[in-house]
Amino acid sequence: MADKQKTIRKAVSVKGKGLHSGVDVELTFNPAPANHGFVFQRTDLPNQPLIRALAENVTETSRGTTLEENGGKVMTIEHCLAACVGMEIDNLLIQLNGPEAPILDGSSRIYIEALETVGVEDLDADKIYFTPSERVEYYDEEKGIHIIAYPDEELSMNVLIDYNSKVLGNQYATLDDLKKFKKEIAPSRTFVFLHELELLAKHNLIKGGDLDNAIVIMDRQVSQEELDRLAKLFNKPSMHVKPEGVLNNLDLHFPNEPARHKLLDLIGDLSLIGMPFKGKIIATRPGHHANTEFARILRQMAKKDKAKKHIPKYNPNEEALINVVGIQGILPHRSPFLLVDKIIFRDEKTVIGIKNVTMNEPFFVGHFPGEPIMPGVLQVEALAQVGGVLVLNTVPDPENYLTFFLKIDKVRFKRKVVPGDTLILKMTLLEPIRRGIAIMFGEGYVGENLVIEGEMMAQISKAK
């Protein structure tokens, strides 16, 4: 029996300061319908903009994950989202009257306790999970960051951290069942090295930090005079260093609490895939930038998988949306290099074109005598031209623009294309066009048979 999507029974709020802004914020979880996902709303701003919790909306990851959309921004959302995932909730409207989710005790514990007070309920829609069909990898050699996802029927995570510190050396944390999140991961608080704490305070950050919500790792020798100065800065009566090399502001909940908190952050950041995830993840030295970049990769894979489930249909009896004459008013290509005959569908995100492959194509003369096969590079070009019709639809005078392809990646040829085939070409935007850059996923079909697929990046440029 399929798992059902979930939301909460009624609204519930938490209050606290934003870690970096220091602003008092009230955050309210509200029930939401099926397929709504996690959406933040800034109720303190004009028009109360909605900000979807999706990887493409990430704009900053230096000391937390920041999302921005529709003129609104919300910071430090990872602990809040981790709690939602840990409760196996799928749909919420999360309202805030400030720029940053409250830091509370530096973990997800208080968020979970709030959600538990109102309870979770099923919705009349099945959960739609994303599971990668193959190993997926993110690697930052310079920083020693390595994240791998493997296909699996359940979610599990292994996290390893290593900061080359005598106090905080190698630590390892695991989670093999989301039902264990509340007890084993949610109470794990954020941590900071002493030198980072001083730098953040110097740059007018951590305004909401009061040393009740972070484990301070003492990565250098300090005098009592320095500790007294630090205590005064954070309104503490006195401070000393514990034998295990951490400040006496907090007692550890777990010996490996920093590693567990990194796992917590990873769960929150990966919620930006936009759907529940199943798979095995092994992460070495993860951080918000790497986490959100990995979420972006997985989200694009999920979009492609969804696109593959919608094989385009072609009815030759229906009139073309754009015929070949209209196409020539959009694209600069001409015979013998115009490789799309008509457009049968186009909206803001998707375009479908048709290429009728005949023996009269000039390339069949040499490719190959006795066994005519449409060259793969020309199949890619046909997809690119259809994609051009899509992206040039975003400018008022497409005849004065060109599309230059910057990257073609992960192209796979599944089947030969031969004379007599009708090639159905589908291009889908993977994310909104920004600064004239379009990232698309292309597929080519003959009937219901996939013959080519791949990712393409193009730039819209004014013609000279």
Protein backbone atom coordinates (compact mmCIF):
# COMPACT_ATOMS: atom_id res chain seq x y z
CA MET A 1 0.00 0.00 0.00
CA ALA A 2 1.43 3.39 -1.06
CA ASP A 3 2.46 5.92 1.59
CA LYS A 4 0.19 8.95 1.76
CA GLN A 5 1.35 12.56 1.67
CA LYS A 6 1.14 14.28 5.04
CA THR A 7 0.54 17.68 6.56
CA ILE A 8 -0.35 18.89 10.08
CA ARG A 9 -3.83 19.06 11.66
CA LYS A 10 -3.74 22.76 12.54
CA ALA A 11 -1.39 25.72 12.73
CA VAL A 12 1.33 25.97 15.38
CA SER A 13 3.94 28.65 16.08
CA VAL A 14 7.39 28.99 17.60
CA LYS A 15 9.16 32.22 18.56
CA GLY A 16 12.82 33.12 18.86
CA LYS A 17 15.69 35.18 17.53
CA GLY A 18 17.32 34.79 14.14
CA LEU A 19 20.90 33.60 14.63
CA HIS A 20 22.55 36.19 12.41
CA SER A 21 19.92 38.93 12.19
CA GLY A 22 19.14 38.96 15.93
CA VAL A 23 15.54 39.81 14.99
CA ASP A 24 12.69 38.38 17.07
CA VAL A 25 10.72 36.15 14.71
CA GLU A 26 7.51 34.19 14.97
CA LEU A 27 7.38 31.18 12.65
CA THR A 28 4.03 29.49 12.04
CA PHE A 29 3.56 26.07 10.47
CA ASN A 30 0.24 25.89 8.59
CA PRO A 31 -1.48 22.86 7.02
CA ALA A 32 -1.20 22.69 3.22
CA PRO A 33 -2.85 20.56 0.52
CA ALA A 34 -1.29 17.67 -1.38
CA ASN A 35 1.57 18.49 -3.78
CA HIS A 36 2.04 21.90 -2.14
CA GLY A 37 5.49 21.07 -0.76
CA PHE A 38 7.29 23.32 1.70
CA VAL A 39 6.67 27.01 1.00
CA PHE A 40 7.81 29.94 3.16
CA GLN A 41 5.89 33.21 3.32
CA ARG A 42 7.25 36.53 4.57
CA THR A 43 4.17 38.06 6.21
CA ASP A 44 6.13 41.17 7.21
CA LEU A 45 6.84 42.24 3.61
CA PRO A 46 4.56 43.99 1.11
CA ASN A 47 2.56 41.46 -0.93
CA GLN A 48 3.67 38.74 1.52
CA PRO A 49 5.85 36.92 -1.05
CA LEU A 50 5.95 33.13 -1.24
CA ILE A 51 9.34 31.42 -1.33
CA ARG A 52 9.36 27.78 -2.38
CA ALA A 53 11.85 25.52 -0.62
CA LEU A 54 13.57 24.38 -3.80
CA ALA A 55 17.24 24.08 -4.71
CA GLU A 56 17.04 26.62 -7.53
CA ASN A 57 16.00 29.30 -5.01
CA VAL A 58 19.19 29.00 -2.91
CA THR A 59 21.17 32.26 -2.99
CA GLU A 60 23.54 32.03 0.00
CA THR A 61 25.15 29.19 1.96
CA SER A 62 28.00 30.77 3.94
CA ARG A 63 26.57 30.30 7.48
CA GLY A 64 23.25 28.62 6.74
CA THR A 65 20.96 28.12 3.78
CA THR A 66 19.16 31.16 2.36
CA LEU A 67 16.28 31.04 -0.12
CA GLU A 68 15.05 33.91 -2.28
CA GLU A 69 12.07 34.20 -4.63
CA ASN A 70 9.41 36.74 -5.63
CA GLY A 71 11.32 39.56 -3.96
CA GLY A 72 11.39 37.79 -0.59
CA LYS A 73 14.25 36.14 1.27
CA VAL A 74 14.39 33.75 4.20
CA MET A 75 17.59 32.66 5.97
CA THR A 76 18.78 29.73 8.07
CA ILE A 77 15.96 27.39 7.12
CA GLU A 78 17.81 24.06 7.39
CA HIS A 79 16.87 23.14 11.01
CA CYS A 80 13.21 23.93 10.41
CA LEU A 81 13.09 21.84 7.20
CA ALA A 82 15.01 18.97 8.82
CA ALA A 83 12.30 18.78 11.48
CA CYS A 84 9.60 18.63 8.81
CA VAL A 85 11.40 15.81 6.98
CA GLY A 86 12.09 14.02 10.26
CA MET A 87 8.34 14.09 10.99
CA GLU A 88 7.75 12.71 7.46
CA ILE A 89 5.62 15.76 6.60
CA ASP A 90 5.37 16.72 2.91
CA ASN A 91 3.23 19.86 2.69
CA LEU A 92 3.37 23.03 4.81
CA LEU A 93 2.93 26.76 4.45
CA ILE A 94 5.58 28.21 6.77
CA GLN A 95 4.91 31.85 7.63
CA LEU A 96 7.50 34.17 9.18
CA ASN A 97 7.27 37.80 10.28
CA GLY A 98 11.02 38.30 9.89
CA PRO A 99 13.97 37.48 7.63
CA GLU A 100 15.27 34.39 9.39
CA ALA A 101 13.96 31.20 10.94
CA PRO A 102 14.48 31.25 14.74
CA ILE A 103 17.66 29.49 15.85
CA LEU A 104 15.98 28.33 19.12
CA ASP A 105 18.42 25.91 20.79
CA GLY A 106 20.50 25.41 17.63
CA SER A 107 18.86 22.11 16.72
CA SER A 108 15.56 20.77 15.32
CA ARG A 109 14.23 19.61 18.70
CA ILE A 110 11.90 22.53 19.48
CA TYR A 111 10.50 22.56 15.94
CA ILE A 112 9.64 18.86 16.27
CA GLU A 113 8.05 19.36 19.68
CA ALA A 114 5.85 22.11 18.23
CA LEU A 115 4.75 19.95 15.30
CA GLU A 116 3.99 17.06 17.64
CA THR A 117 1.57 19.20 19.66
CA VAL A 118 -0.78 19.53 16.66
CA GLY A 119 -0.17 16.13 15.10
CA VAL A 120 0.30 14.88 11.56
CA GLU A 121 -2.48 13.71 9.24
CA ASP A 122 -2.65 11.89 5.91
CA LEU A 123 -3.81 13.57 2.72
CA ASP A 124 -5.70 11.92 -0.11
CA ALA A 125 -2.64 11.63 -2.37
CA ASP A 126 0.24 9.19 -2.60
CA LYS A 127 3.78 10.25 -1.75
CA ILE A 128 5.95 10.58 -4.82
CA TYR A 129 9.50 9.56 -3.92
CA PHE A 130 12.64 10.24 -5.88
CA THR A 131 15.22 7.48 -6.01
CA PRO A 132 18.26 7.91 -8.28
CA SER A 133 18.52 5.21 -10.92
CA GLU A 134 22.32 5.19 -10.65
CA ARG A 135 25.14 6.37 -8.41
CA VAL A 136 25.28 10.18 -8.14
CA GLU A 137 28.38 11.99 -6.93
CA TYR A 138 29.46 15.48 -5.86
CA TYR A 139 33.16 16.08 -5.26
CA ASP A 140 35.08 19.16 -4.18
CA GLU A 141 38.72 18.08 -4.16
CA GLU A 142 40.04 21.35 -2.75
CA LYS A 143 37.82 21.18 0.34
CA GLY A 144 37.82 17.40 0.67
CA ILE A 145 34.03 17.25 0.30
CA HIS A 146 32.55 14.10 -1.17
CA ILE A 147 28.83 13.22 -1.30
CA ILE A 148 27.52 10.07 -2.97
CA ALA A 149 23.95 8.82 -3.38
CA TYR A 150 23.17 5.21 -4.27
CA PRO A 151 19.80 3.78 -5.29
CA ASP A 152 18.04 2.10 -2.37
CA GLU A 153 14.51 1.28 -1.27
CA GLU A 154 14.86 3.26 1.97
CA LEU A 155 16.58 6.44 3.15
CA SER A 156 19.87 6.05 5.02
CA MET A 157 22.71 8.48 5.66
CA ASN A 158 26.31 8.18 6.77
CA VAL A 159 28.22 11.36 7.57
CA LEU A 160 31.94 11.71 8.30
CA ILE A 161 33.52 14.97 9.45
CA ASP A 162 37.21 15.76 9.89
CA TYR A 163 38.45 19.26 10.73
CA ASN A 164 42.10 18.41 11.38
CA SER A 165 41.55 19.56 14.94
CA LYS A 166 42.98 18.02 18.10
CA VAL A 167 39.66 18.66 19.82
CA LEU A 168 37.29 17.80 16.97
CA GLY A 169 38.92 15.03 14.96
CA ASN A 170 37.15 12.37 12.92
CA GLN A 171 33.51 11.89 13.85
CA TYR A 172 30.93 9.64 12.27
CA ALA A 173 27.13 9.71 12.41
CA THR A 174 24.48 7.49 10.83
CA LEU A 175 20.72 7.38 10.35
CA ASP A 176 19.06 4.30 8.90
CA ASP A 177 15.41 5.13 9.62
CA LEU A 178 13.63 8.51 9.67
CA LYS A 179 11.64 7.33 12.68
CA LYS A 180 14.90 7.55 14.67
CA PHE A 181 15.46 11.19 13.68
CA LYS A 182 13.59 12.68 16.64
CA LYS A 183 15.65 10.86 19.27
CA GLU A 184 19.04 10.40 17.61
CA ILE A 185 19.53 13.48 15.39
CA ALA A 186 17.03 16.27 16.16
CA PRO A 187 18.59 17.32 19.54
CA SER A 188 22.06 17.79 17.98
CA ARG A 189 23.02 21.45 18.13
CA THR A 190 25.10 23.51 15.79
CA PHE A 191 28.76 24.01 16.60
CA VAL A 192 31.34 26.68 15.97
CA PHE A 193 35.09 26.99 16.43
CA LEU A 194 36.32 29.75 18.70
CA HIS A 195 38.13 31.57 15.89
CA GLU A 196 34.91 31.52 13.81
CA LEU A 197 32.90 32.85 16.74
CA GLU A 198 35.19 35.81 17.15
CA LEU A 199 35.20 36.54 13.41
CA LEU A 200 31.41 36.34 13.14
CA ALA A 201 30.95 38.67 16.08
CA LYS A 202 33.48 41.08 14.57
CA HIS A 203 31.48 41.19 11.32
CA ASN A 204 28.25 41.96 13.16
CA LEU A 205 26.80 38.49 12.59
CA ILE A 206 25.41 36.00 15.15
CA LYS A 207 23.41 38.86 16.67
CA GLY A 208 21.00 36.21 17.92
CA GLY A 209 23.73 33.99 19.30
CA ASP A 210 23.80 33.83 23.06
CA LEU A 211 25.93 30.70 23.57
CA ASP A 212 22.79 28.77 24.53
CA ASN A 213 22.41 27.48 21.00
CA ALA A 214 25.89 26.44 19.85
CA ILE A 215 28.71 24.17 20.98
CA VAL A 216 31.94 26.18 20.99
CA ILE A 217 35.02 24.17 19.99
CA MET A 218 38.20 25.57 21.53
CA ASP A 219 40.71 25.21 18.70
CA ARG A 220 43.47 27.21 20.39
CA GLN A 221 44.82 28.01 23.82
CA VAL A 222 43.09 30.93 25.48
CA SER A 223 43.82 32.87 28.66
CA GLN A 224 41.26 33.40 31.37
CA GLU A 225 41.34 37.08 30.44
CA GLU A 226 40.17 36.22 26.93
CA LEU A 227 37.48 33.95 28.33
CA ASP A 228 36.27 36.74 30.58
CA ARG A 229 36.09 39.08 27.58
CA LEU A 230 34.11 36.48 25.64
CA ALA A 231 31.76 35.97 28.60
CA LYS A 232 31.11 39.71 28.72
CA LEU A 233 30.43 39.78 24.96
CA PHE A 234 27.72 37.13 25.32
CA ASN A 235 26.40 38.23 28.71
CA LYS A 236 27.69 35.18 30.60
CA PRO A 237 28.90 35.41 34.20
CA SER A 238 32.00 33.25 33.64
CA MET A 239 33.52 30.72 31.27
CA HIS A 240 36.07 27.95 31.30
CA VAL A 241 37.22 25.18 29.00
CA LYS A 242 36.11 21.62 29.70
CA PRO A 243 38.61 18.75 29.65
CA GLU A 244 37.22 17.57 26.29
CA GLY A 245 38.19 20.92 24.73
CA VAL A 246 34.80 22.63 24.46
CA LEU A 247 33.50 25.72 26.21
CA ASN A 248 31.43 25.16 29.32
CA ASN A 249 28.38 26.88 27.83
CA LEU A 250 26.65 23.56 27.03
CA ASP A 251 26.73 19.90 27.97
CA LEU A 252 27.03 17.57 24.99
CA HIS A 253 23.99 15.45 24.22
CA PHE A 254 26.12 12.93 22.30
CA PRO A 255 29.89 12.36 22.11
CA ASN A 256 29.60 12.84 18.32
CA GLU A 257 27.07 15.67 18.44
CA PRO A 258 28.85 17.79 15.76
CA ALA A 259 28.70 14.91 13.25
CA ARG A 260 25.04 14.33 14.07
CA HIS A 261 24.32 18.01 13.53
CA LYS A 262 25.99 17.86 10.11
CA LEU A 263 23.66 14.98 9.30
CA LEU A 264 20.73 17.12 10.49
CA ASP A 265 21.83 19.95 8.18
CA LEU A 266 22.15 17.52 5.28
CA ILE A 267 18.59 16.27 5.77
CA GLY A 268 17.27 19.83 5.86
CA ASP A 269 19.20 20.92 2.78
CA LEU A 270 18.24 17.83 0.76
CA SER A 271 14.57 18.63 1.33
CA LEU A 272 15.20 21.23 -1.39
CA ILE A 273 14.96 18.39 -3.92
CA GLY A 274 11.26 19.15 -3.60
CA MET A 275 10.09 15.61 -2.92
CA PRO A 276 10.85 12.85 -0.40
CA PHE A 277 14.06 10.98 -1.16
CA LYS A 278 14.92 7.32 -0.99
CA GLY A 279 18.51 6.20 -1.32
CA LYS A 280 21.75 5.65 0.56
CA ILE A 281 23.87 8.76 1.07
CA ILE A 282 27.51 8.77 2.16
CA ALA A 283 28.82 12.27 2.87
CA THR A 284 32.35 13.30 3.82
CA ARG A 285 32.74 16.82 5.24
CA PRO A 286 29.36 18.08 4.00
CA GLY A 287 28.37 21.72 4.30
CA HIS A 288 25.53 23.92 3.15
CA HIS A 289 27.06 24.81 -0.22
CA ALA A 290 27.84 21.20 -1.09
CA ASN A 291 24.50 19.98 0.29
CA THR A 292 22.46 22.42 -1.76
CA GLU A 293 24.51 21.82 -4.91
CA PHE A 294 23.91 18.10 -4.45
CA ALA A 295 20.20 18.79 -3.93
CA ARG A 296 20.24 20.77 -7.19
CA ILE A 297 21.78 17.80 -9.03
CA LEU A 298 19.25 15.36 -7.58
CA ARG A 299 16.36 17.73 -8.30
CA GLN A 300 17.34 17.97 -11.95
CA MET A 301 17.51 14.17 -12.12
CA ALA A 302 14.03 13.99 -10.58
CA LYS A 303 12.72 16.45 -13.17
CA LYS A 304 14.20 14.38 -15.99
CA ASP A 305 12.68 11.21 -14.60
CA LYS A 306 9.32 12.95 -14.45
CA ALA A 307 9.70 14.19 -18.01
CA LYS A 308 10.45 10.67 -19.24
CA LYS A 309 7.10 9.52 -17.88
CA HIS A 310 5.35 11.91 -20.26
CA ILE A 311 6.22 10.63 -23.73
CA PRO A 312 4.99 13.19 -26.27
CA LYS A 313 2.25 12.10 -28.68
CA TYR A 314 2.16 13.24 -32.30
CA ASN A 315 -1.02 13.35 -34.35
CA PRO A 316 -0.17 14.31 -37.97
CA ASN A 317 -3.84 15.25 -38.53
CA GLU A 318 -3.57 18.18 -36.14
CA GLU A 319 -2.48 21.58 -37.43
CA ALA A 320 1.00 22.70 -36.43
CA LEU A 321 1.33 25.31 -33.71
CA ILE A 322 4.22 26.85 -35.71
CA ASN A 323 4.91 25.70 -39.26
CA VAL A 324 8.28 25.76 -40.98
CA VAL A 325 7.74 29.30 -42.25
CA GLY A 326 7.01 30.50 -38.73
CA ILE A 327 10.07 28.67 -37.43
CA GLN A 328 12.23 30.55 -39.94
CA GLY A 329 10.88 33.77 -38.43
CA ILE A 330 12.33 32.69 -35.07
CA LEU A 331 15.50 30.77 -35.92
CA PRO A 332 18.26 31.91 -38.30
CA HIS A 333 18.83 28.37 -39.63
CA ARG A 334 18.07 27.61 -43.28
CA SER A 335 18.26 24.61 -45.62
CA PRO A 336 20.12 22.31 -45.52
CA PHE A 337 20.69 22.96 -41.80
CA LEU A 338 17.16 23.65 -40.58
CA LEU A 339 16.39 20.41 -38.74
CA VAL A 340 12.88 21.03 -37.41
CA ASP A 341 9.78 21.02 -39.63
CA LYS A 342 7.10 22.16 -37.21
CA ILE A 343 6.31 22.91 -33.57
CA ILE A 344 3.27 21.09 -32.15
CA PHE A 345 3.41 22.33 -28.54
CA ARG A 346 4.98 25.16 -26.57
CA ASP A 347 4.40 26.62 -23.12
CA GLU A 348 6.68 28.45 -20.68
CA LYS A 349 8.72 25.34 -19.80
CA THR A 350 8.36 22.82 -22.64
CA VAL A 351 8.44 22.71 -26.42
CA ILE A 352 7.81 19.78 -28.78
CA GLY A 353 8.93 19.80 -32.41
CA ILE A 354 8.85 17.40 -35.33
CA LYS A 355 11.58 16.42 -37.78
CA ASN A 356 10.50 14.21 -40.68
CA VAL A 357 13.56 12.20 -41.64
CA THR A 358 13.64 11.36 -45.37
CA MET A 359 16.16 9.74 -47.67
CA ASN A 360 16.59 13.14 -49.36
CA GLU A 361 18.63 14.45 -46.39
CA PRO A 362 22.06 15.41 -47.80
CA PHE A 363 23.95 13.75 -44.93
CA PHE A 364 22.68 10.30 -45.94
CA VAL A 365 24.94 10.45 -49.02
CA GLY A 366 27.95 9.71 -46.86
CA HIS A 367 26.45 8.52 -43.56
CA PHE A 368 26.53 5.69 -44.49
CA PRO A 369 26.40 4.37 -48.05
CA GLY A 370 24.22 1.29 -47.98
CA GLU A 371 23.06 1.91 -44.37
CA PRO A 372 21.67 5.43 -43.94
CA ILE A 373 21.70 6.58 -40.29
CA MET A 374 21.04 10.12 -39.05
CA PRO A 375 24.26 11.31 -37.35
CA GLY A 376 23.99 11.66 -33.58
CA VAL A 377 25.48 15.15 -33.73
CA LEU A 378 22.62 16.25 -36.00
CA GLN A 379 20.06 14.75 -33.61
CA VAL A 380 21.65 16.95 -30.92
CA GLU A 381 21.46 19.92 -33.31
CA ALA A 382 17.77 19.21 -34.00
CA LEU A 383 17.07 19.23 -30.25
CA ALA A 384 19.07 22.44 -29.89
CA GLN A 385 17.01 24.15 -32.60
CA VAL A 386 13.75 23.11 -30.93
CA GLY A 387 15.18 24.43 -27.64
CA GLY A 388 15.96 27.69 -29.43
CA VAL A 389 12.28 28.08 -30.31
CA LEU A 390 11.49 27.69 -26.59
CA VAL A 391 14.03 30.13 -25.15
CA LEU A 392 13.63 32.77 -27.88
CA ASN A 393 9.96 32.88 -26.94
CA THR A 394 11.11 34.80 -23.83
CA VAL A 395 12.28 37.87 -25.84
CA PRO A 396 9.93 40.28 -27.65
CA ASP A 397 11.83 40.23 -30.99
CA PRO A 398 13.33 36.73 -31.40
CA GLU A 399 14.44 37.44 -34.95
CA ASN A 400 17.09 39.76 -33.47
CA TYR A 401 18.51 37.15 -31.09
CA LEU A 402 20.57 33.98 -31.32
CA THR A 403 21.03 31.04 -28.97
CA PHE A 404 24.59 29.86 -28.43
CA PHE A 405 24.96 26.49 -26.74
CA LEU A 406 27.53 26.60 -23.93
CA LYS A 407 27.44 23.00 -22.80
CA ILE A 408 26.05 19.66 -23.92
CA ASP A 409 26.21 16.97 -21.25
CA LYS A 410 25.14 13.40 -20.51
CA VAL A 411 23.96 12.74 -24.06
CA ARG A 412 22.89 9.16 -24.68
CA PHE A 413 21.85 7.57 -27.96
CA LYS A 414 19.36 4.75 -27.47
CA ARG A 415 18.40 3.74 -31.01
CA LYS A 416 19.26 4.47 -34.64
CA VAL A 417 17.28 7.11 -36.53
CA VAL A 418 16.79 6.16 -40.19
CA PRO A 419 14.91 7.42 -43.28
CA GLY A 420 11.15 7.17 -42.81
CA ASP A 421 11.30 7.97 -39.07
CA THR A 422 9.35 10.86 -37.59
CA LEU A 423 11.58 12.31 -34.89
CA ILE A 424 9.60 13.86 -32.01
CA LEU A 425 11.83 16.37 -30.22
CA LYS A 426 11.04 17.54 -26.69
CA MET A 427 12.96 20.16 -24.71
CA THR A 428 12.12 21.04 -21.09
CA LEU A 429 13.55 23.85 -18.95
CA LEU A 430 15.13 22.40 -15.82
CA GLU A 431 15.14 25.74 -14.02
CA PRO A 432 14.05 29.32 -14.75
CA ILE A 433 16.12 31.27 -17.27
CA ARG A 434 18.50 33.58 -15.39
CA ARG A 435 20.75 36.24 -16.93
CA GLY A 436 20.00 34.82 -20.38
CA ILE A 437 21.19 31.32 -19.47
CA ALA A 438 18.81 28.41 -20.14
CA ILE A 439 19.40 24.87 -18.83
CA MET A 440 17.28 22.27 -20.62
CA PHE A 441 16.72 18.54 -20.80
CA GLY A 442 16.16 17.15 -24.28
CA GLU A 443 14.57 13.95 -25.49
CA GLY A 444 14.01 12.54 -28.96
CA TYR A 445 11.45 9.83 -29.70
CA VAL A 446 10.43 7.74 -32.68
CA GLY A 447 6.95 6.60 -31.78
CA GLU A 448 7.21 5.69 -28.08
CA ASN A 449 10.88 4.68 -28.38
CA LEU A 450 13.44 7.02 -26.81
CA VAL A 451 16.29 7.52 -29.28
CA ILE A 452 18.29 10.35 -27.69
CA GLU A 453 18.43 12.29 -24.42
CA GLY A 454 20.78 14.83 -22.88
CA GLU A 455 21.23 18.11 -21.02
CA MET A 456 21.98 21.39 -22.76
CA MET A 457 22.92 24.86 -21.59
CA ALA A 458 22.36 27.82 -23.92
CA GLN A 459 22.83 31.57 -23.80
CA ILE A 460 20.42 34.01 -25.39
CA SER A 461 22.45 36.70 -27.14
CA LYS A 462 21.60 39.76 -29.23
CA ALA A 463 22.51 39.25 -32.91
CA LYS A 464 25.12 41.63 -34.30
